[in-house]
Structure formats: structure tokens, C-alpha cells
Amino acid sequence: MPEYQIKFDKTFAYEVESIFKQNNARYGYPRIQIVLENKGIKVSCSKVYRYMKLLNLYSNLRIKKFIKKPKENKNMNRKFKNIVNRKWNDYKQDELWVTDVHTFLAIKVMFI
């Protein structure tokens, strides 16, 4: 990170700190920037971020991580014929093997 000097504006720093404390340390730099714009102070997010970093102001809320969910396959809703009809005793040993095909379809869709 390059070292550079920032012209430290005490009134702006006080404004950022007061907004931060009024909202119980819940606001981060994007929200504080919006509040400042609503007050008529036009400033960039990066400037608010730098001042918050200099003043050691960090929001208490954590950022929730985005979890990508796999899309459902349109063929998953297709109904298959029930050949066995749960009559297990009508078949000899090792004559009928049954599995859940939906799980294989879902796994195949996710990795292809």
C-alpha cells in the first residue's frame, strides 16, 4: 500500500464520527457516505473509508457471505412410473434393486 499524506479535516472527521456514534456503530462507510450526501456534503466513499480507518471506526455488523445455490433442473419435477408399488414380497432375492434416481440427476446437473 503506497504511503501518501491525507489532508486531515477535523470538522469532517467530527461529522463522520458523530454519524457513526449516533447509529450505535452499525453504519459502515457506504451508509455514512449516503447520510453525508443527504446532509449536503458531497464526498466519495473512499474518503469516508480512509477517515474511518484513521479514527479506528469499524461497524459491529458482519457482512454475510454469499452462498451460491445450484439451480434446479427442470427435469427434476418430472414424474416417473411407479413399477414396484411397494410390493417387495412379490420379488425374489436380488431380482429387484431400487434406488433414488433424483439424487443422481441432481449431482449430474451440478458437476456438468
N, C-alpha and C. Protein backbone atom coordinates (compact mmCIF):
# COMPACT_ATOMS: atom_id res chain seq x y z
N MET A 1 0.85 -1.17 0.00
CA MET A 1 0.00 0.00 0.00
C MET A 1 0.90 1.24 0.00
N PRO A 2 0.71 2.16 -0.96
CA PRO A 2 1.57 3.33 -1.02
C PRO A 2 1.32 4.28 0.14
N GLU A 3 2.40 4.87 0.60
CA GLU A 3 2.29 5.86 1.67
C GLU A 3 1.97 7.21 1.03
N TYR A 4 0.93 7.85 1.50
CA TYR A 4 0.58 9.16 1.00
C TYR A 4 -0.02 9.97 2.15
N GLN A 5 0.08 11.27 2.00
CA GLN A 5 -0.43 12.14 3.06
C GLN A 5 -1.88 12.50 2.77
N ILE A 6 -2.65 12.54 3.83
CA ILE A 6 -4.04 12.94 3.72
C ILE A 6 -4.19 14.26 4.46
N LYS A 7 -4.82 15.22 3.79
CA LYS A 7 -5.12 16.47 4.48
C LYS A 7 -6.24 16.18 5.46
N PHE A 8 -5.93 16.20 6.73
CA PHE A 8 -6.89 15.80 7.76
C PHE A 8 -7.79 16.99 8.08
N ASP A 9 -9.06 16.84 7.79
CA ASP A 9 -10.06 17.87 8.06
C ASP A 9 -10.78 17.49 9.36
N LYS A 10 -10.56 18.27 10.41
CA LYS A 10 -11.12 17.93 11.72
C LYS A 10 -12.64 18.03 11.74
N THR A 11 -13.21 19.00 11.04
CA THR A 11 -14.67 19.13 11.04
C THR A 11 -15.32 17.95 10.33
N PHE A 12 -14.69 17.51 9.22
CA PHE A 12 -15.23 16.35 8.50
C PHE A 12 -15.08 15.09 9.35
N ALA A 13 -13.95 14.94 10.02
CA ALA A 13 -13.73 13.78 10.88
C ALA A 13 -14.74 13.76 12.02
N TYR A 14 -15.03 14.93 12.59
CA TYR A 14 -16.02 15.01 13.66
C TYR A 14 -17.41 14.63 13.14
N GLU A 15 -17.72 15.06 11.91
CA GLU A 15 -19.02 14.73 11.30
C GLU A 15 -19.17 13.22 11.09
N VAL A 16 -18.12 12.59 10.58
CA VAL A 16 -18.14 11.13 10.36
C VAL A 16 -18.28 10.40 11.68
N GLU A 17 -17.53 10.84 12.68
CA GLU A 17 -17.57 10.17 13.98
C GLU A 17 -18.93 10.35 14.65
N SER A 18 -19.54 11.52 14.51
CA SER A 18 -20.85 11.76 15.13
C SER A 18 -21.93 10.90 14.48
N ILE A 19 -21.90 10.78 13.14
CA ILE A 19 -22.87 9.91 12.45
C ILE A 19 -22.67 8.47 12.88
N PHE A 20 -21.42 8.05 13.00
CA PHE A 20 -21.10 6.68 13.39
C PHE A 20 -21.64 6.38 14.80
N LYS A 21 -21.45 7.31 15.73
CA LYS A 21 -21.89 7.09 17.11
C LYS A 21 -23.40 7.23 17.27
N GLN A 22 -24.03 8.08 16.46
CA GLN A 22 -25.49 8.23 16.53
C GLN A 22 -26.20 6.94 16.16
N ASN A 23 -25.59 6.17 15.28
CA ASN A 23 -26.20 4.93 14.80
C ASN A 23 -25.63 3.70 15.49
N ASN A 24 -25.06 3.88 16.67
CA ASN A 24 -24.58 2.78 17.52
C ASN A 24 -23.58 1.87 16.81
N ALA A 25 -22.70 2.45 16.06
CA ALA A 25 -21.62 1.72 15.36
C ALA A 25 -22.17 0.68 14.39
N ARG A 26 -23.33 0.92 13.83
CA ARG A 26 -23.92 -0.01 12.87
C ARG A 26 -23.62 0.39 11.43
N TYR A 27 -23.33 1.66 11.20
CA TYR A 27 -23.12 2.13 9.85
C TYR A 27 -21.66 1.97 9.43
N GLY A 28 -21.47 1.47 8.22
CA GLY A 28 -20.15 1.40 7.63
C GLY A 28 -19.95 2.60 6.73
N TYR A 29 -18.85 2.59 5.98
CA TYR A 29 -18.54 3.76 5.17
C TYR A 29 -19.55 4.03 4.05
N PRO A 30 -20.20 3.01 3.41
CA PRO A 30 -21.16 3.35 2.36
C PRO A 30 -22.39 4.09 2.90
N ARG A 31 -22.90 3.63 4.04
CA ARG A 31 -24.08 4.28 4.62
C ARG A 31 -23.75 5.67 5.14
N ILE A 32 -22.58 5.83 5.73
CA ILE A 32 -22.18 7.15 6.23
C ILE A 32 -22.03 8.12 5.06
N GLN A 33 -21.54 7.64 3.94
CA GLN A 33 -21.41 8.48 2.76
C GLN A 33 -22.79 8.93 2.27
N ILE A 34 -23.78 8.06 2.33
CA ILE A 34 -25.15 8.41 1.92
C ILE A 34 -25.74 9.44 2.87
N VAL A 35 -25.51 9.27 4.18
CA VAL A 35 -26.01 10.23 5.15
C VAL A 35 -25.37 11.60 4.94
N LEU A 36 -24.08 11.62 4.65
CA LEU A 36 -23.39 12.88 4.37
C LEU A 36 -23.94 13.55 3.12
N GLU A 37 -24.23 12.76 2.09
CA GLU A 37 -24.82 13.33 0.88
C GLU A 37 -26.20 13.91 1.15
N ASN A 38 -26.97 13.24 2.02
CA ASN A 38 -28.29 13.76 2.38
C ASN A 38 -28.17 15.07 3.16
N LYS A 39 -27.08 15.24 3.88
CA LYS A 39 -26.84 16.49 4.61
C LYS A 39 -26.29 17.59 3.71
N GLY A 40 -25.91 17.23 2.48
CA GLY A 40 -25.40 18.21 1.54
C GLY A 40 -23.89 18.21 1.40
N ILE A 41 -23.22 17.27 2.04
CA ILE A 41 -21.76 17.17 1.94
C ILE A 41 -21.44 16.12 0.89
N LYS A 42 -20.91 16.56 -0.25
CA LYS A 42 -20.60 15.63 -1.33
C LYS A 42 -19.19 15.10 -1.12
N VAL A 43 -19.08 13.79 -0.94
CA VAL A 43 -17.80 13.17 -0.65
C VAL A 43 -17.82 11.74 -1.19
N SER A 44 -16.64 11.21 -1.52
CA SER A 44 -16.55 9.85 -2.06
C SER A 44 -16.52 8.83 -0.92
N CYS A 45 -16.87 7.61 -1.27
CA CYS A 45 -16.84 6.51 -0.30
C CYS A 45 -15.42 6.26 0.19
N SER A 46 -14.45 6.39 -0.72
CA SER A 46 -13.07 6.09 -0.33
C SER A 46 -12.55 7.08 0.71
N LYS A 47 -13.00 8.34 0.60
CA LYS A 47 -12.57 9.33 1.60
C LYS A 47 -13.17 9.00 2.96
N VAL A 48 -14.45 8.62 2.98
CA VAL A 48 -15.09 8.25 4.24
C VAL A 48 -14.40 7.03 4.82
N TYR A 49 -14.04 6.08 3.97
CA TYR A 49 -13.34 4.87 4.41
C TYR A 49 -11.99 5.21 5.04
N ARG A 50 -11.25 6.11 4.40
CA ARG A 50 -9.94 6.50 4.93
C ARG A 50 -10.07 7.17 6.29
N TYR A 51 -11.06 8.06 6.43
CA TYR A 51 -11.24 8.74 7.71
C TYR A 51 -11.68 7.76 8.79
N MET A 52 -12.54 6.83 8.44
CA MET A 52 -12.96 5.84 9.43
C MET A 52 -11.78 4.97 9.86
N LYS A 53 -10.90 4.67 8.92
CA LYS A 53 -9.73 3.86 9.24
C LYS A 53 -8.78 4.64 10.15
N LEU A 54 -8.60 5.93 9.87
CA LEU A 54 -7.74 6.76 10.72
C LEU A 54 -8.29 6.92 12.13
N LEU A 55 -9.62 6.99 12.23
CA LEU A 55 -10.27 7.16 13.54
C LEU A 55 -10.56 5.84 14.24
N ASN A 56 -10.17 4.73 13.62
CA ASN A 56 -10.42 3.37 14.15
C ASN A 56 -11.90 3.13 14.41
N LEU A 57 -12.73 3.46 13.42
CA LEU A 57 -14.17 3.23 13.49
C LEU A 57 -14.52 2.05 12.60
N TYR A 58 -15.02 0.99 13.21
CA TYR A 58 -15.41 -0.20 12.47
C TYR A 58 -16.82 -0.58 12.88
N SER A 59 -17.67 -0.93 11.91
CA SER A 59 -19.05 -1.28 12.24
C SER A 59 -19.09 -2.63 12.95
N ASN A 60 -20.10 -2.79 13.80
CA ASN A 60 -20.24 -4.02 14.58
C ASN A 60 -20.87 -5.14 13.78
N LEU A 61 -21.58 -4.80 12.71
CA LEU A 61 -22.27 -5.82 11.93
C LEU A 61 -21.28 -6.52 11.02
N ARG A 62 -21.46 -7.81 10.85
CA ARG A 62 -20.60 -8.55 9.95
C ARG A 62 -21.29 -8.65 8.59
N ILE A 63 -20.50 -8.82 7.57
CA ILE A 63 -21.03 -8.97 6.23
C ILE A 63 -21.36 -10.45 6.03
N LYS A 64 -22.59 -10.72 5.62
CA LYS A 64 -22.97 -12.11 5.37
C LYS A 64 -22.36 -12.57 4.06
N LYS A 65 -21.82 -13.76 4.08
CA LYS A 65 -21.20 -14.30 2.89
C LYS A 65 -22.28 -14.82 1.94
N PHE A 66 -22.07 -14.59 0.67
CA PHE A 66 -23.00 -15.03 -0.35
C PHE A 66 -22.77 -16.50 -0.63
N ILE A 67 -23.81 -17.29 -0.52
CA ILE A 67 -23.72 -18.72 -0.79
C ILE A 67 -24.46 -18.99 -2.09
N LYS A 68 -23.74 -19.47 -3.07
CA LYS A 68 -24.35 -19.75 -4.36
C LYS A 68 -25.07 -21.08 -4.30
N LYS A 69 -26.37 -21.05 -4.59
CA LYS A 69 -27.17 -22.27 -4.57
C LYS A 69 -27.28 -22.80 -5.99
N PRO A 70 -27.23 -24.11 -6.15
CA PRO A 70 -27.34 -24.66 -7.51
C PRO A 70 -28.76 -24.48 -8.03
N LYS A 71 -28.85 -24.25 -9.33
CA LYS A 71 -30.16 -24.09 -9.95
C LYS A 71 -30.82 -25.44 -10.09
N GLU A 72 -32.13 -25.44 -9.96
CA GLU A 72 -32.86 -26.70 -10.08
C GLU A 72 -33.02 -27.06 -11.55
N ASN A 73 -32.96 -28.33 -11.80
CA ASN A 73 -33.14 -28.82 -13.15
C ASN A 73 -34.64 -28.91 -13.45
N LYS A 74 -35.05 -28.53 -14.64
CA LYS A 74 -36.47 -28.58 -14.99
C LYS A 74 -36.97 -30.01 -15.05
N ASN A 75 -36.07 -30.95 -15.34
CA ASN A 75 -36.47 -32.35 -15.44
C ASN A 75 -36.67 -32.99 -14.06
N MET A 76 -36.28 -32.31 -13.00
CA MET A 76 -36.40 -32.89 -11.66
C MET A 76 -37.86 -33.05 -11.25
N ASN A 77 -38.73 -32.22 -11.79
CA ASN A 77 -40.14 -32.28 -11.41
C ASN A 77 -40.91 -33.32 -12.22
N ARG A 78 -40.24 -33.98 -13.14
CA ARG A 78 -40.90 -34.97 -13.98
C ARG A 78 -41.21 -36.21 -13.14
N LYS A 79 -42.40 -36.73 -13.29
CA LYS A 79 -42.82 -37.91 -12.53
C LYS A 79 -42.51 -39.17 -13.33
N PHE A 80 -42.03 -40.19 -12.64
CA PHE A 80 -41.74 -41.47 -13.25
C PHE A 80 -42.80 -42.49 -12.83
N LYS A 81 -42.98 -43.50 -13.64
CA LYS A 81 -43.96 -44.53 -13.32
C LYS A 81 -43.49 -45.35 -12.13
N ASN A 82 -44.42 -45.66 -11.24
CA ASN A 82 -44.12 -46.48 -10.07
C ASN A 82 -44.39 -47.94 -10.43
N ILE A 83 -43.36 -48.64 -10.84
CA ILE A 83 -43.50 -50.02 -11.30
C ILE A 83 -43.64 -50.98 -10.12
N VAL A 84 -42.94 -50.72 -9.03
CA VAL A 84 -42.89 -51.66 -7.91
C VAL A 84 -44.14 -51.54 -7.05
N ASN A 85 -44.65 -50.37 -6.83
CA ASN A 85 -45.81 -50.11 -5.97
C ASN A 85 -45.64 -50.67 -4.56
N ARG A 86 -44.40 -50.71 -4.09
CA ARG A 86 -44.04 -51.18 -2.74
C ARG A 86 -44.50 -52.62 -2.45
N LYS A 87 -44.52 -53.44 -3.45
CA LYS A 87 -44.84 -54.86 -3.25
C LYS A 87 -43.52 -55.63 -3.28
N TRP A 88 -42.81 -55.55 -2.17
CA TRP A 88 -41.48 -56.13 -2.10
C TRP A 88 -41.50 -57.66 -2.05
N ASN A 89 -42.52 -58.23 -1.53
CA ASN A 89 -42.56 -59.69 -1.33
C ASN A 89 -42.82 -60.45 -2.63
N ASP A 90 -43.25 -59.77 -3.67
CA ASP A 90 -43.53 -60.45 -4.94
C ASP A 90 -42.27 -60.80 -5.72
N TYR A 91 -41.13 -60.27 -5.27
CA TYR A 91 -39.89 -60.47 -6.00
C TYR A 91 -38.93 -61.36 -5.21
N LYS A 92 -38.10 -62.12 -5.94
CA LYS A 92 -37.10 -62.97 -5.31
C LYS A 92 -35.92 -62.12 -4.84
N GLN A 93 -35.04 -62.74 -4.07
CA GLN A 93 -33.85 -62.04 -3.57
C GLN A 93 -32.94 -61.67 -4.74
N ASP A 94 -32.45 -60.44 -4.76
CA ASP A 94 -31.58 -59.88 -5.80
C ASP A 94 -32.25 -59.81 -7.17
N GLU A 95 -33.56 -59.90 -7.23
CA GLU A 95 -34.25 -59.75 -8.51
C GLU A 95 -34.61 -58.29 -8.77
N LEU A 96 -34.83 -57.54 -7.69
CA LEU A 96 -35.24 -56.14 -7.82
C LEU A 96 -34.33 -55.26 -6.99
N TRP A 97 -33.72 -54.29 -7.63
CA TRP A 97 -32.91 -53.31 -6.93
C TRP A 97 -33.50 -51.94 -7.22
N VAL A 98 -33.67 -51.16 -6.17
CA VAL A 98 -34.30 -49.85 -6.30
C VAL A 98 -33.38 -48.79 -5.73
N THR A 99 -33.34 -47.63 -6.37
CA THR A 99 -32.57 -46.51 -5.86
C THR A 99 -33.33 -45.22 -6.14
N ASP A 100 -32.86 -44.16 -5.54
CA ASP A 100 -33.47 -42.85 -5.73
C ASP A 100 -32.75 -42.18 -6.89
N VAL A 101 -33.41 -42.05 -8.01
CA VAL A 101 -32.80 -41.51 -9.21
C VAL A 101 -32.62 -39.99 -9.10
N HIS A 102 -33.43 -39.33 -8.33
CA HIS A 102 -33.37 -37.87 -8.23
C HIS A 102 -32.02 -37.38 -7.71
N THR A 103 -31.43 -38.12 -6.79
CA THR A 103 -30.14 -37.68 -6.26
C THR A 103 -29.07 -37.75 -7.34
N PHE A 104 -29.11 -38.77 -8.19
CA PHE A 104 -28.13 -38.88 -9.26
C PHE A 104 -28.32 -37.77 -10.28
N LEU A 105 -29.56 -37.44 -10.58
CA LEU A 105 -29.83 -36.35 -11.52
C LEU A 105 -29.32 -35.02 -10.97
N ALA A 106 -29.53 -34.79 -9.69
CA ALA A 106 -29.10 -33.52 -9.09
C ALA A 106 -27.59 -33.42 -9.10
N ILE A 107 -26.90 -34.49 -8.77
CA ILE A 107 -25.43 -34.46 -8.76
C ILE A 107 -24.90 -34.27 -10.17
N LYS A 108 -25.51 -34.92 -11.14
CA LYS A 108 -25.07 -34.82 -12.52
C LYS A 108 -25.23 -33.37 -13.02
N VAL A 109 -26.29 -32.72 -12.64
CA VAL A 109 -26.55 -31.34 -13.07
C VAL A 109 -25.54 -30.40 -12.45
N MET A 110 -25.16 -30.63 -11.19
CA MET A 110 -24.24 -29.72 -10.51
C MET A 110 -22.84 -29.77 -11.09
N PHE A 111 -22.37 -30.91 -11.55
CA PHE A 111 -20.99 -31.04 -11.97
C PHE A 111 -20.80 -30.91 -13.48
N ILE A 112 -21.86 -30.86 -14.24
CA ILE A 112 -21.72 -30.72 -15.69
C ILE A 112 -21.83 -29.28 -16.09
